[in-house]
Structures are given as structure tokens and as C-alpha cells.
N, C-alpha and C. Protein backbone atom coordinates (compact mmCIF):
# COMPACT_ATOMS: atom_id res chain seq x y z
N MET A 1 41.62 -159.58 2.07
CA MET A 1 41.32 -159.45 2.92
C MET A 1 41.47 -157.69 3.05
N ASN A 2 40.58 -156.41 3.39
CA ASN A 2 40.43 -155.30 3.08
C ASN A 2 41.32 -154.50 3.88
N VAL A 3 42.27 -154.40 3.53
CA VAL A 3 43.28 -153.20 4.01
C VAL A 3 42.86 -152.06 3.53
N GLY A 4 42.27 -151.59 3.05
CA GLY A 4 41.57 -150.33 2.17
C GLY A 4 42.05 -150.10 0.70
N TYR A 5 42.34 -151.20 -0.24
CA TYR A 5 42.24 -151.29 -2.25
C TYR A 5 41.29 -150.52 -2.14
N ASP A 6 40.06 -151.05 -1.99
CA ASP A 6 39.10 -151.01 -2.34
C ASP A 6 38.43 -149.07 -2.09
N SER A 7 39.23 -148.07 -0.95
CA SER A 7 39.12 -146.77 -1.19
C SER A 7 39.93 -145.98 -1.11
N GLY A 8 40.88 -146.85 -2.08
CA GLY A 8 41.99 -146.15 -2.50
C GLY A 8 43.20 -145.75 -1.55
N TRP A 9 43.19 -146.66 -0.13
CA TRP A 9 43.75 -145.75 0.99
C TRP A 9 45.15 -147.14 1.31
N ASP A 10 45.58 -147.43 0.25
CA ASP A 10 46.31 -149.01 -0.07
C ASP A 10 47.93 -148.05 -0.48
N ARG A 11 47.29 -146.59 -0.93
CA ARG A 11 49.04 -145.74 -1.58
C ARG A 11 49.20 -145.34 0.07
N VAL A 12 50.45 -145.35 0.11
CA VAL A 12 51.21 -144.52 1.63
C VAL A 12 52.68 -144.02 0.56
N LEU A 13 52.74 -143.40 1.44
CA LEU A 13 54.42 -142.93 0.78
C LEU A 13 55.26 -143.34 2.86
N LEU A 14 56.08 -144.02 2.07
CA LEU A 14 57.07 -144.71 3.78
C LEU A 14 57.66 -143.76 4.03
N LEU A 15 57.18 -142.71 4.77
CA LEU A 15 59.11 -141.93 5.10
C LEU A 15 59.17 -142.60 6.98
N TRP A 16 57.28 -142.80 7.19
CA TRP A 16 57.77 -142.98 8.76
C TRP A 16 57.13 -144.95 8.82
N PRO A 17 57.69 -145.39 9.60
CA PRO A 17 56.69 -146.73 10.57
C PRO A 17 55.17 -146.34 9.96
N ILE A 18 54.32 -147.43 9.39
CA ILE A 18 53.24 -147.45 10.24
C ILE A 18 52.50 -148.81 10.13
N ILE A 19 51.82 -148.84 10.35
CA ILE A 19 50.75 -150.27 10.57
C ILE A 19 50.07 -150.22 9.66
N VAL A 20 49.56 -151.68 9.21
CA VAL A 20 48.58 -151.70 8.22
C VAL A 20 47.90 -152.95 9.06
N ARG A 21 46.68 -153.02 9.10
CA ARG A 21 45.32 -153.57 9.84
C ARG A 21 44.03 -153.72 9.42
N HIS A 22 43.88 -154.84 9.91
CA HIS A 22 42.64 -155.27 9.17
C HIS A 22 41.41 -155.40 9.78
N VAL A 23 40.48 -154.48 9.80
CA VAL A 23 39.64 -154.28 10.53
C VAL A 23 38.41 -155.58 10.51
N ILE A 24 38.21 -156.31 11.95
CA ILE A 24 37.48 -157.13 11.57
C ILE A 24 36.09 -156.85 12.12
N ASN A 25 35.33 -157.13 10.89
CA ASN A 25 33.87 -156.71 11.14
C ASN A 25 33.26 -157.73 10.04
N GLU A 26 31.61 -157.62 10.02
CA GLU A 26 31.52 -158.22 9.03
C GLU A 26 31.64 -158.78 7.89
N ASP A 27 32.66 -158.15 7.05
CA ASP A 27 33.11 -158.09 5.74
C ASP A 27 34.32 -158.96 5.71
N SER A 28 34.68 -159.53 6.88
CA SER A 28 35.75 -159.74 7.56
C SER A 28 36.09 -161.83 6.97
N PRO A 29 36.75 -161.81 6.71
CA PRO A 29 36.90 -163.69 6.77
C PRO A 29 36.85 -164.08 7.80
N LEU A 30 37.39 -163.35 9.57
CA LEU A 30 37.96 -163.79 10.61
C LEU A 30 36.38 -163.40 11.46
N TYR A 31 35.22 -162.58 10.39
CA TYR A 31 34.69 -162.33 11.47
C TYR A 31 34.16 -163.44 12.44
N GLY A 32 33.96 -163.41 14.18
CA GLY A 32 33.59 -164.32 14.58
C GLY A 32 34.00 -165.54 14.76
N MET A 33 35.34 -165.56 15.00
CA MET A 33 36.33 -166.35 14.95
C MET A 33 36.67 -166.52 16.62
N SER A 34 36.68 -167.40 17.15
CA SER A 34 37.31 -166.95 18.25
C SER A 34 39.38 -167.47 18.22
N ARG A 35 39.78 -166.90 19.98
CA ARG A 35 40.88 -167.76 20.20
C ARG A 35 41.22 -169.36 19.17
N GLU A 36 39.85 -169.95 19.87
CA GLU A 36 40.20 -171.40 19.72
C GLU A 36 40.13 -171.58 18.64
N ASN A 37 39.09 -171.00 17.69
CA ASN A 37 38.45 -171.67 16.22
C ASN A 37 40.28 -170.99 15.44
N ILE A 38 40.55 -169.68 15.65
CA ILE A 38 42.11 -169.65 14.75
C ILE A 38 42.88 -170.74 14.91
N VAL A 39 42.66 -170.72 16.09
CA VAL A 39 43.92 -171.89 16.80
C VAL A 39 44.10 -172.94 16.15
N LYS A 40 43.06 -173.39 15.80
CA LYS A 40 42.77 -174.80 15.04
C LYS A 40 42.56 -174.70 13.78
N ALA A 41 42.25 -173.51 13.15
CA ALA A 41 41.51 -173.45 11.84
C ALA A 41 43.56 -173.50 10.78
N ASP A 42 42.59 -174.14 9.96
CA ASP A 42 43.90 -174.20 8.65
C ASP A 42 43.82 -173.13 7.14
N PHE A 43 45.01 -171.94 8.03
CA PHE A 43 44.92 -171.31 6.80
C PHE A 43 46.21 -170.55 7.11
N GLU A 44 46.41 -169.65 6.27
CA GLU A 44 47.79 -168.87 5.89
C GLU A 44 47.69 -166.91 5.62
N LEU A 45 47.50 -166.51 5.94
CA LEU A 45 47.55 -164.92 5.73
C LEU A 45 49.19 -164.49 5.05
N ILE A 46 49.23 -164.38 4.02
CA ILE A 46 49.79 -163.47 3.56
C ILE A 46 49.70 -161.84 2.97
N MET A 47 51.12 -161.24 3.52
CA MET A 47 51.16 -159.93 3.06
C MET A 47 51.79 -159.82 1.68
N THR A 48 51.47 -158.69 1.36
CA THR A 48 52.32 -159.06 0.00
C THR A 48 52.65 -156.90 -0.14
N VAL A 49 53.85 -156.71 -0.06
CA VAL A 49 53.69 -154.99 0.38
C VAL A 49 54.74 -154.94 -1.43
N GLU A 50 54.33 -153.90 -2.67
CA GLU A 50 55.13 -153.16 -3.66
C GLU A 50 55.07 -152.47 -3.84
N GLY A 51 56.12 -152.07 -4.58
CA GLY A 51 56.04 -150.16 -4.85
C GLY A 51 57.33 -150.13 -5.48
N ILE A 52 57.60 -148.40 -5.74
CA ILE A 52 58.27 -148.12 -6.56
C ILE A 52 59.10 -146.98 -5.66
N VAL A 53 60.81 -147.25 -6.30
CA VAL A 53 61.76 -146.35 -5.14
C VAL A 53 61.63 -145.22 -6.10
N GLU A 54 61.37 -144.34 -5.50
CA GLU A 54 61.10 -142.64 -6.55
C GLU A 54 61.82 -142.24 -7.07
N ALA A 55 63.45 -142.38 -6.22
CA ALA A 55 64.31 -141.31 -6.79
C ALA A 55 64.71 -142.37 -7.61
N THR A 56 64.84 -143.73 -7.91
CA THR A 56 65.59 -144.34 -8.89
C THR A 56 63.97 -145.09 -9.81
N GLY A 57 63.06 -144.84 -9.66
CA GLY A 57 62.28 -145.91 -9.96
C GLY A 57 61.91 -146.81 -10.61
N MET A 58 62.42 -147.34 -9.48
CA MET A 58 62.75 -149.20 -9.41
C MET A 58 61.65 -149.61 -8.68
N THR A 59 61.53 -150.61 -8.98
CA THR A 59 60.31 -151.61 -8.19
C THR A 59 60.69 -152.63 -7.30
N PHE A 60 59.86 -152.50 -6.33
CA PHE A 60 60.42 -153.63 -4.82
C PHE A 60 59.19 -154.86 -4.65
N GLN A 61 59.38 -155.65 -4.09
CA GLN A 61 58.14 -156.62 -3.59
C GLN A 61 58.90 -157.44 -2.01
N ALA A 62 57.63 -157.25 -1.10
CA ALA A 62 58.56 -157.84 0.12
C ALA A 62 56.76 -158.65 0.73
N ARG A 63 57.39 -160.14 0.86
CA ARG A 63 56.71 -160.80 1.31
C ARG A 63 56.55 -161.51 2.96
N THR A 64 55.12 -161.39 3.91
CA THR A 64 55.63 -162.13 4.87
C THR A 64 54.13 -162.88 4.67
N SER A 65 54.54 -164.66 5.68
CA SER A 65 52.79 -164.95 6.12
C SER A 65 52.80 -165.23 7.84
N PHE A 66 52.16 -165.05 7.82
CA PHE A 66 51.49 -165.80 9.57
C PHE A 66 50.25 -166.56 9.15
N LEU A 67 50.94 -167.78 10.32
CA LEU A 67 50.12 -169.11 10.13
C LEU A 67 49.03 -169.22 11.37
N PRO A 68 48.50 -169.47 12.00
CA PRO A 68 47.33 -169.15 12.68
C PRO A 68 48.29 -169.19 14.05
N ASP A 69 49.04 -170.70 14.13
CA ASP A 69 50.04 -169.91 15.71
C ASP A 69 50.73 -169.21 16.03
N GLU A 70 50.55 -168.25 14.40
CA GLU A 70 51.64 -166.72 14.82
C GLU A 70 50.90 -165.48 15.34
N ILE A 71 49.53 -166.11 15.25
CA ILE A 71 48.94 -164.51 15.63
C ILE A 71 48.69 -164.53 16.76
N LEU A 72 49.02 -163.67 17.89
CA LEU A 72 48.68 -163.41 19.17
C LEU A 72 47.52 -162.34 19.68
N TRP A 73 46.89 -163.05 20.13
CA TRP A 73 45.44 -162.84 20.44
C TRP A 73 45.85 -161.94 21.96
N GLY A 74 45.31 -160.80 21.78
CA GLY A 74 45.24 -159.60 22.59
C GLY A 74 46.39 -158.96 22.73
N TYR A 75 47.50 -159.07 21.59
CA TYR A 75 48.77 -158.27 21.38
C TYR A 75 48.52 -156.77 20.43
N LYS A 76 49.55 -156.49 20.56
CA LYS A 76 49.91 -155.43 19.17
C LYS A 76 51.15 -154.70 19.30
N PHE A 77 51.49 -154.68 18.18
CA PHE A 77 52.92 -153.67 17.62
C PHE A 77 53.38 -153.19 18.83
N LYS A 78 54.24 -153.12 18.75
CA LYS A 78 55.02 -151.78 19.94
C LYS A 78 55.18 -150.06 19.36
N PRO A 79 54.76 -149.17 19.90
CA PRO A 79 54.92 -147.84 18.78
C PRO A 79 56.47 -147.64 18.38
N MET A 80 56.71 -147.68 17.18
CA MET A 80 58.40 -147.31 17.18
C MET A 80 58.76 -145.97 16.43
N VAL A 81 57.80 -145.21 16.58
CA VAL A 81 57.40 -143.25 16.91
C VAL A 81 57.26 -143.04 18.14
N LEU A 82 58.51 -142.11 18.75
CA LEU A 82 58.38 -142.38 20.31
C LEU A 82 59.13 -140.48 20.09
N MET A 83 58.37 -139.74 21.49
CA MET A 83 58.74 -138.63 21.29
C MET A 83 60.15 -138.27 22.13
N ASN A 84 60.91 -137.95 21.68
CA ASN A 84 62.49 -137.76 22.39
C ASN A 84 61.75 -136.20 23.16
N GLU A 85 61.66 -136.21 24.43
CA GLU A 85 61.11 -134.95 25.42
C GLU A 85 62.30 -133.83 25.55
N LYS A 86 63.75 -134.43 25.47
CA LYS A 86 64.36 -133.76 25.44
C LYS A 86 64.43 -132.27 24.55
N LEU A 87 64.57 -133.92 23.03
CA LEU A 87 64.67 -132.91 21.62
C LEU A 87 63.79 -132.18 21.54
N SER A 88 62.73 -132.57 21.54
CA SER A 88 61.29 -131.56 21.08
C SER A 88 61.24 -132.63 19.80
N LYS A 89 61.19 -133.52 19.46
CA LYS A 89 61.52 -134.37 17.88
C LYS A 89 61.28 -135.79 18.33
N TYR A 90 60.31 -136.32 16.92
CA TYR A 90 60.26 -138.09 17.01
C TYR A 90 61.42 -138.20 16.63
N GLU A 91 61.73 -140.01 17.41
CA GLU A 91 62.38 -140.14 16.75
C GLU A 91 62.21 -142.02 16.67
N VAL A 92 62.84 -142.30 15.49
CA VAL A 92 62.11 -144.00 15.32
C VAL A 92 62.81 -144.59 15.83
N HIS A 93 62.59 -145.93 16.67
CA HIS A 93 63.26 -146.97 16.94
C HIS A 93 63.15 -148.13 16.43
N TYR A 94 64.10 -148.31 15.72
CA TYR A 94 64.03 -149.62 14.84
C TYR A 94 64.18 -150.95 15.97
N SER A 95 64.31 -150.94 16.73
CA SER A 95 64.77 -152.31 17.94
C SER A 95 63.43 -152.83 18.10
N PHE A 96 62.11 -151.78 18.54
CA PHE A 96 60.80 -152.44 18.70
C PHE A 96 60.33 -152.69 17.25
N PHE A 97 61.20 -153.29 16.70
CA PHE A 97 60.24 -153.51 14.36
C PHE A 97 59.36 -154.51 14.98
N ASP A 98 59.98 -155.83 15.70
CA ASP A 98 59.59 -156.71 16.14
C ASP A 98 58.39 -157.28 17.10
N GLN A 99 58.75 -156.53 18.30
CA GLN A 99 58.44 -156.57 18.97
C GLN A 99 56.79 -155.97 19.16
N THR A 100 55.89 -156.71 20.18
CA THR A 100 54.56 -156.80 21.08
C THR A 100 53.95 -156.21 22.17
N GLU A 101 52.87 -156.34 22.57
CA GLU A 101 53.09 -156.02 24.14
C GLU A 101 51.62 -156.39 24.17
N ARG A 102 51.11 -157.03 25.11
CA ARG A 102 49.90 -157.25 25.50
C ARG A 102 49.50 -156.37 25.70
N VAL A 103 47.87 -156.75 25.60
CA VAL A 103 46.97 -154.92 25.49
C VAL A 103 46.48 -154.93 26.44
N CYS A 104 46.34 -154.19 27.49
CA CYS A 104 45.91 -154.52 29.21
C CYS A 104 44.04 -154.40 28.87
N ASP A 105 43.31 -155.40 29.81
CA ASP A 105 41.82 -155.93 29.83
C ASP A 105 41.65 -155.80 28.16
N PHE A 106 42.51 -156.64 27.22
CA PHE A 106 41.97 -156.92 26.16
C PHE A 106 40.15 -157.63 25.83
N ASP A 107 39.75 -157.18 25.72
CA ASP A 107 38.13 -158.00 25.37
C ASP A 107 37.74 -157.63 23.95
N ALA A 108 36.88 -157.96 23.15
CA ALA A 108 36.87 -158.05 22.05
C ALA A 108 35.74 -156.97 21.68
N GLN A 109 35.17 -156.95 23.03
CA GLN A 109 33.82 -156.39 22.23
C GLN A 109 33.84 -154.96 22.83
N THR A 110 35.08 -154.63 23.92
CA THR A 110 35.82 -153.28 23.86
C THR A 110 36.33 -152.42 23.40
N ILE A 111 36.81 -153.70 21.87
CA ILE A 111 37.65 -152.91 21.24
C ILE A 111 36.81 -152.49 19.88
N GLU A 112 35.77 -153.38 19.34
CA GLU A 112 34.68 -153.20 19.19
C GLU A 112 33.99 -152.08 18.97
N THR A 113 33.62 -151.71 20.59
CA THR A 113 33.19 -150.03 20.97
C THR A 113 34.40 -149.11 20.69
N GLU A 114 35.02 -149.11 20.51
CA GLU A 114 36.42 -147.84 20.70
C GLU A 114 36.32 -147.79 19.51
N GLU A 115 36.54 -149.11 18.14
CA GLU A 115 36.69 -148.36 16.82
C GLU A 115 35.40 -147.82 16.30
N THR A 116 34.15 -148.19 17.12
CA THR A 116 33.24 -147.13 16.04
C THR A 116 32.91 -146.22 16.68
N GLU A 117 33.92 -145.68 17.64
CA GLU A 117 33.18 -144.49 17.87
C GLU A 117 34.92 -143.33 17.52
N ASP A 118 35.77 -143.89 17.23
CA ASP A 118 37.56 -143.72 16.88
C ASP A 118 37.23 -143.61 14.86
N GLU A 119 36.27 -143.88 14.83
CA GLU A 119 36.33 -144.47 13.00
C GLU A 119 36.73 -143.11 11.81
N HIS A 120 36.11 -141.94 12.80
CA HIS A 120 36.38 -140.77 12.07
C HIS A 120 37.90 -140.78 12.19
N HIS A 121 38.75 -140.74 12.76
CA HIS A 121 39.34 -140.70 13.01
C HIS A 121 40.77 -141.43 11.46
N HIS A 122 40.05 -142.63 11.71
CA HIS A 122 41.31 -143.26 10.94
C HIS A 122 40.33 -143.43 9.53
N ASN A 123 41.12 -144.28 8.49
CA ASN A 123 40.90 -144.55 7.43
C ASN A 123 39.99 -145.77 7.24
N ALA A 124 39.36 -146.39 5.97
CA ALA A 124 39.17 -148.31 6.10
C ALA A 124 40.06 -148.98 6.45
N SER A 125 41.71 -148.59 5.80
CA SER A 125 42.33 -149.22 5.62
C SER A 125 42.65 -149.83 6.99
N GLY A 126 42.44 -148.99 7.80
CA GLY A 126 43.78 -149.14 8.89
C GLY A 126 44.75 -148.65 9.36
N PHE A 127 45.25 -147.71 7.95
CA PHE A 127 46.97 -147.26 8.15
C PHE A 127 46.63 -146.20 9.39
N LEU A 128 47.60 -146.04 9.91
CA LEU A 128 47.64 -145.24 11.51
C LEU A 128 48.68 -144.48 11.04
């Protein structure tokens, strides 16, 4: 599944939390699948992150997987980086790490339209 490897956007400096996302378009193996199709499907998404700790040169690898019943349709991860208005600084809230929130008025057609309009603001990988 494309998360930017072909365009080189898979190389990031992890100073801030980021969201890696896969855009579902004609090239995606998930393209055309409905919520019901995904729940009934027999697959596992495995995500691997590999890197080098620049300070030490040591390598690391982290892996996780997602089964169809773990995919939340119409949800997104809560933002972890929030502006502290009193200090006028951004703060990372690690307590939000695994928290999701429902996308109001979720509609696949609406999401597709928004992606097309905002495409110039995001690279092909979906790194935000």
C-alpha cells in the first residue's frame, strides 16, 4: 500500500508525532470496498517502521498490524499536537496517542472531494 515510498516521502524526521495515511484511490487495494466488505474480508494490514537513531547510529524497527474488525470506519486519530494559548506554544499530548474520534457527517464521497481540493497541500504519502 502506498504511503509515499515511490515519491520519496517515506523518509521523515520524527521530531513531532505524525500521521501516516494511505489515500484510497484507484491504485489502492481497498478501493471500492464498503464498510461491509472490509468487515467480511480476510486480510491483515502490517505496518513496519524502520529507522536509524541519528545520535547513536543504531537501527530500530517497530511493527503493528490491523485486522478488518480493528479498522474504524468514519473515525480519525485525535490530534496530539495542540496549541497552548496561555504559553503561545505547541504541546504534544501523549495521552491522546491511541484515541480516536468520530468524523462528523462522514461520507466517502465528501472525503474524496475534500482530498482532491486539498491535494496541493499534502504530499502523495499522506504524511501530515
